[in-house]
């Protein structure tokens, strides 16, 4: 009988991230609104642009996007991060970096938000486990 160490079995199922001192993942369902609830993403090209900006910001910062949905005035994401990143840091990294990228590619949007704030103060976060992951992903999709 072949004995598998814990780290090898975690690698095989590819659910957990591995660090030199820790194994695991923190998953969050997060949501944020646009500034003043403006419908900034009502056109499909802006919806696709902000989604691409969020995905790029996430890949730069080591955040795994599990599911994403962009509505005209808010964004839903299910993300996976390492233990060292807090949920407030996830908001800061995703909102700030994606807003900067969005304004670089869509210069006219800066007229509505001259200070460069795409996201408003309203935000939501909830931790997610593997048991709830399918339900949360369905909720974000629909």
C-alpha atoms as a PDB file:
ATOM      1  CA  UNK A   1       0.000   0.000   0.000  1.00  0.00           C
ATOM      2  CA  UNK A   2       1.426   3.345  -1.106  1.00  0.00           C
ATOM      3  CA  UNK A   3       1.550   5.957   1.586  1.00  0.00           C
ATOM      4  CA  UNK A   4       0.819   9.513   0.484  1.00  0.00           C
ATOM      5  CA  UNK A   5       1.904  12.427   2.613  1.00  0.00           C
ATOM      6  CA  UNK A   6      -0.549  15.194   3.329  1.00  0.00           C
ATOM      7  CA  UNK A   7       1.195  17.724   1.104  1.00  0.00           C
ATOM      8  CA  UNK A   8       1.170  15.350  -1.889  1.00  0.00           C
ATOM      9  CA  UNK A   9      -2.543  14.645  -1.552  1.00  0.00           C
ATOM     10  CA  UNK A  10      -3.302  18.362  -1.337  1.00  0.00           C
ATOM     11  CA  UNK A  11      -1.287  18.959  -4.485  1.00  0.00           C
ATOM     12  CA  UNK A  12      -3.188  16.221  -6.304  1.00  0.00           C
ATOM     13  CA  UNK A  13      -6.615  17.694  -5.631  1.00  0.00           C
ATOM     14  CA  UNK A  14      -5.309  21.227  -6.366  1.00  0.00           C
ATOM     15  CA  UNK A  15      -7.687  22.915  -3.939  1.00  0.00           C
ATOM     16  CA  UNK A  16      -5.121  24.304  -1.558  1.00  0.00           C
ATOM     17  CA  UNK A  17      -2.202  26.617  -2.079  1.00  0.00           C
ATOM     18  CA  UNK A  18       1.081  25.589  -0.558  1.00  0.00           C
ATOM     19  CA  UNK A  19       3.569  27.837   1.102  1.00  0.00           C
ATOM     20  CA  UNK A  20       6.798  26.794   2.803  1.00  0.00           C
ATOM     21  CA  UNK A  21       5.061  27.031   6.187  1.00  0.00           C
ATOM     22  CA  UNK A  22       1.358  26.610   5.433  1.00  0.00           C
ATOM     23  CA  UNK A  23      -1.150  24.746   3.320  1.00  0.00           C
ATOM     24  CA  UNK A  24      -4.624  26.098   2.668  1.00  0.00           C
ATOM     25  CA  UNK A  25      -6.725  28.754   1.054  1.00  0.00           C
ATOM     26  CA  UNK A  26      -9.071  31.479   2.247  1.00  0.00           C
ATOM     27  CA  UNK A  27     -12.051  31.978  -0.026  1.00  0.00           C
ATOM     28  CA  UNK A  28     -14.309  35.018   0.053  1.00  0.00           C
ATOM     29  CA  UNK A  29     -17.463  36.102  -1.720  1.00  0.00           C
ATOM     30  CA  UNK A  30     -16.984  39.832  -2.179  1.00  0.00           C
ATOM     31  CA  UNK A  31     -19.088  42.535  -3.749  1.00  0.00           C
ATOM     32  CA  UNK A  32     -18.599  46.242  -4.309  1.00  0.00           C
ATOM     33  CA  UNK A  33     -20.620  49.009  -5.922  1.00  0.00           C
ATOM     34  CA  UNK A  34     -19.644  51.809  -8.241  1.00  0.00           C
ATOM     35  CA  UNK A  35     -19.369  55.329  -6.903  1.00  0.00           C
ATOM     36  CA  UNK A  36     -22.879  56.783  -6.369  1.00  0.00           C
ATOM     37  CA  UNK A  37     -24.254  53.543  -7.883  1.00  0.00           C
ATOM     38  CA  UNK A  38     -23.643  54.890 -11.390  1.00  0.00           C
ATOM     39  CA  UNK A  39     -24.359  52.274 -14.050  1.00  0.00           C
ATOM     40  CA  UNK A  40     -20.802  52.362 -15.364  1.00  0.00           C
ATOM     41  CA  UNK A  41     -20.880  48.833 -16.793  1.00  0.00           C
ATOM     42  CA  UNK A  42     -24.234  48.823 -18.598  1.00  0.00           C
ATOM     43  CA  UNK A  43     -22.571  48.481 -22.016  1.00  0.00           C
ATOM     44  CA  UNK A  44     -21.083  45.087 -22.790  1.00  0.00           C
ATOM     45  CA  UNK A  45     -17.692  46.567 -23.794  1.00  0.00           C
ATOM     46  CA  UNK A  46     -17.307  48.277 -20.391  1.00  0.00           C
ATOM     47  CA  UNK A  47     -18.489  45.161 -18.585  1.00  0.00           C
ATOM     48  CA  UNK A  48     -15.847  43.114 -20.411  1.00  0.00           C
ATOM     49  CA  UNK A  49     -13.226  45.808 -19.807  1.00  0.00           C
ATOM     50  CA  UNK A  50     -13.725  45.943 -16.040  1.00  0.00           C
ATOM     51  CA  UNK A  51     -13.786  42.139 -15.846  1.00  0.00           C
ATOM     52  CA  UNK A  52     -10.471  41.995 -17.710  1.00  0.00           C
ATOM     53  CA  UNK A  53      -9.044  44.710 -15.441  1.00  0.00           C
ATOM     54  CA  UNK A  54     -10.120  42.810 -12.316  1.00  0.00           C
ATOM     55  CA  UNK A  55      -8.638  39.565 -13.631  1.00  0.00           C
ATOM     56  CA  UNK A  56      -5.373  41.322 -14.484  1.00  0.00           C
ATOM     57  CA  UNK A  57      -5.201  42.994 -11.073  1.00  0.00           C
ATOM     58  CA  UNK A  58      -5.860  39.653  -9.405  1.00  0.00           C
ATOM     59  CA  UNK A  59      -3.163  37.849 -11.352  1.00  0.00           C
ATOM     60  CA  UNK A  60      -0.641  40.589 -10.548  1.00  0.00           C
ATOM     61  CA  UNK A  61      -1.400  40.416  -6.822  1.00  0.00           C
ATOM     62  CA  UNK A  62      -1.634  36.621  -6.409  1.00  0.00           C
ATOM     63  CA  UNK A  63      -5.411  36.476  -6.013  1.00  0.00           C
ATOM     64  CA  UNK A  64      -7.253  33.592  -7.644  1.00  0.00           C
ATOM     65  CA  UNK A  65     -10.588  34.542  -9.235  1.00  0.00           C
ATOM     66  CA  UNK A  66     -12.903  31.555  -8.844  1.00  0.00           C
ATOM     67  CA  UNK A  67     -16.032  33.236 -10.197  1.00  0.00           C
ATOM     68  CA  UNK A  68     -16.847  36.772 -11.319  1.00  0.00           C
ATOM     69  CA  UNK A  69     -19.989  38.573 -12.471  1.00  0.00           C
ATOM     70  CA  UNK A  70     -20.255  42.230 -13.406  1.00  0.00           C
ATOM     71  CA  UNK A  71     -23.617  43.975 -13.115  1.00  0.00           C
ATOM     72  CA  UNK A  72     -24.277  47.543 -14.383  1.00  0.00           C
ATOM     73  CA  UNK A  73     -23.546  49.108 -10.965  1.00  0.00           C
ATOM     74  CA  UNK A  74     -21.762  46.434  -8.927  1.00  0.00           C
ATOM     75  CA  UNK A  75     -19.308  43.533  -9.110  1.00  0.00           C
ATOM     76  CA  UNK A  76     -19.549  40.060  -7.526  1.00  0.00           C
ATOM     77  CA  UNK A  77     -16.430  37.911  -7.107  1.00  0.00           C
ATOM     78  CA  UNK A  78     -15.526  34.667  -5.425  1.00  0.00           C
ATOM     79  CA  UNK A  79     -11.797  34.798  -4.746  1.00  0.00           C
ATOM     80  CA  UNK A  80      -9.174  32.569  -3.209  1.00  0.00           C
ATOM     81  CA  UNK A  81      -6.200  34.059  -1.387  1.00  0.00           C
ATOM     82  CA  UNK A  82      -3.370  32.925   0.861  1.00  0.00           C
ATOM     83  CA  UNK A  83      -3.652  33.222   4.631  1.00  0.00           C
ATOM     84  CA  UNK A  84      -1.449  36.291   4.747  1.00  0.00           C
ATOM     85  CA  UNK A  85      -3.909  38.508   2.838  1.00  0.00           C
ATOM     86  CA  UNK A  86      -6.890  39.992   4.682  1.00  0.00           C
ATOM     87  CA  UNK A  87     -10.246  40.614   3.044  1.00  0.00           C
ATOM     88  CA  UNK A  88      -9.778  44.391   3.330  1.00  0.00           C
ATOM     89  CA  UNK A  89      -6.456  44.053   1.485  1.00  0.00           C
ATOM     90  CA  UNK A  90      -8.242  42.051  -1.243  1.00  0.00           C
ATOM     91  CA  UNK A  91     -10.711  44.924  -1.678  1.00  0.00           C
ATOM     92  CA  UNK A  92      -7.903  47.465  -1.751  1.00  0.00           C
ATOM     93  CA  UNK A  93      -5.899  45.531  -4.345  1.00  0.00           C
ATOM     94  CA  UNK A  94      -8.796  44.596  -6.629  1.00  0.00           C
ATOM     95  CA  UNK A  95     -10.745  47.853  -6.501  1.00  0.00           C
ATOM     96  CA  UNK A  96      -7.759  50.177  -6.718  1.00  0.00           C
ATOM     97  CA  UNK A  97      -5.754  48.380  -9.376  1.00  0.00           C
ATOM     98  CA  UNK A  98      -8.758  47.560 -11.556  1.00  0.00           C
ATOM     99  CA  UNK A  99     -10.025  51.165 -11.351  1.00  0.00           C
ATOM    100  CA  UNK A 100      -6.641  52.504 -12.412  1.00  0.00           C
ATOM    101  CA  UNK A 101      -6.530  50.087 -15.357  1.00  0.00           C
ATOM    102  CA  UNK A 102     -10.158  50.844 -16.287  1.00  0.00           C
ATOM    103  CA  UNK A 103      -9.488  54.598 -16.438  1.00  0.00           C
ATOM    104  CA  UNK A 104      -6.348  54.019 -18.519  1.00  0.00           C
ATOM    105  CA  UNK A 105      -8.337  52.170 -21.180  1.00  0.00           C
ATOM    106  CA  UNK A 106     -11.571  54.222 -20.927  1.00  0.00           C
ATOM    107  CA  UNK A 107     -10.529  57.870 -20.610  1.00  0.00           C
ATOM    108  CA  UNK A 108     -14.069  59.311 -20.856  1.00  0.00           C
ATOM    109  CA  UNK A 109     -15.097  57.492 -17.663  1.00  0.00           C
ATOM    110  CA  UNK A 110     -12.698  59.762 -15.791  1.00  0.00           C
ATOM    111  CA  UNK A 111     -15.109  62.661 -16.479  1.00  0.00           C
ATOM    112  CA  UNK A 112     -17.696  61.051 -14.193  1.00  0.00           C
ATOM    113  CA  UNK A 113     -15.100  60.292 -11.503  1.00  0.00           C
ATOM    114  CA  UNK A 114     -12.425  62.992 -11.747  1.00  0.00           C
ATOM    115  CA  UNK A 115     -10.663  61.851  -8.541  1.00  0.00           C
ATOM    116  CA  UNK A 116     -10.217  58.359  -9.955  1.00  0.00           C
ATOM    117  CA  UNK A 117     -12.666  56.574  -7.662  1.00  0.00           C
ATOM    118  CA  UNK A 118     -14.546  53.933  -9.595  1.00  0.00           C
ATOM    119  CA  UNK A 119     -15.804  52.031  -6.558  1.00  0.00           C
ATOM    120  CA  UNK A 120     -17.914  53.450  -3.774  1.00  0.00           C
ATOM    121  CA  UNK A 121     -17.644  52.819  -0.048  1.00  0.00           C
ATOM    122  CA  UNK A 122     -20.277  50.087  -0.015  1.00  0.00           C
ATOM    123  CA  UNK A 123     -18.845  46.588   0.041  1.00  0.00           C
ATOM    124  CA  UNK A 124     -19.761  43.097   1.160  1.00  0.00           C
ATOM    125  CA  UNK A 125     -17.611  40.119   2.101  1.00  0.00           C
ATOM    126  CA  UNK A 126     -18.340  36.635   3.339  1.00  0.00           C
ATOM    127  CA  UNK A 127     -16.035  33.696   3.873  1.00  0.00           C
ATOM    128  CA  UNK A 128     -16.771  30.611   1.795  1.00  0.00           C
ATOM    129  CA  UNK A 129     -15.865  26.984   2.391  1.00  0.00           C
ATOM    130  CA  UNK A 130     -15.678  24.131  -0.091  1.00  0.00           C
ATOM    131  CA  UNK A 131     -19.082  22.872   1.066  1.00  0.00           C
ATOM    132  CA  UNK A 132     -20.764  26.169   0.128  1.00  0.00           C
ATOM    133  CA  UNK A 133     -18.644  26.932  -2.928  1.00  0.00           C
ATOM    134  CA  UNK A 134     -21.061  25.504  -5.519  1.00  0.00           C
ATOM    135  CA  UNK A 135     -24.015  27.428  -4.065  1.00  0.00           C
ATOM    136  CA  UNK A 136     -22.076  30.689  -3.972  1.00  0.00           C
ATOM    137  CA  UNK A 137     -20.814  30.191  -7.539  1.00  0.00           C
ATOM    138  CA  UNK A 138     -24.396  29.603  -8.741  1.00  0.00           C
ATOM    139  CA  UNK A 139     -25.523  32.736  -6.908  1.00  0.00           C
ATOM    140  CA  UNK A 140     -22.790  34.843  -8.507  1.00  0.00           C
ATOM    141  CA  UNK A 141     -23.527  33.461 -11.978  1.00  0.00           C
ATOM    142  CA  UNK A 142     -27.263  34.070 -11.717  1.00  0.00           C
END
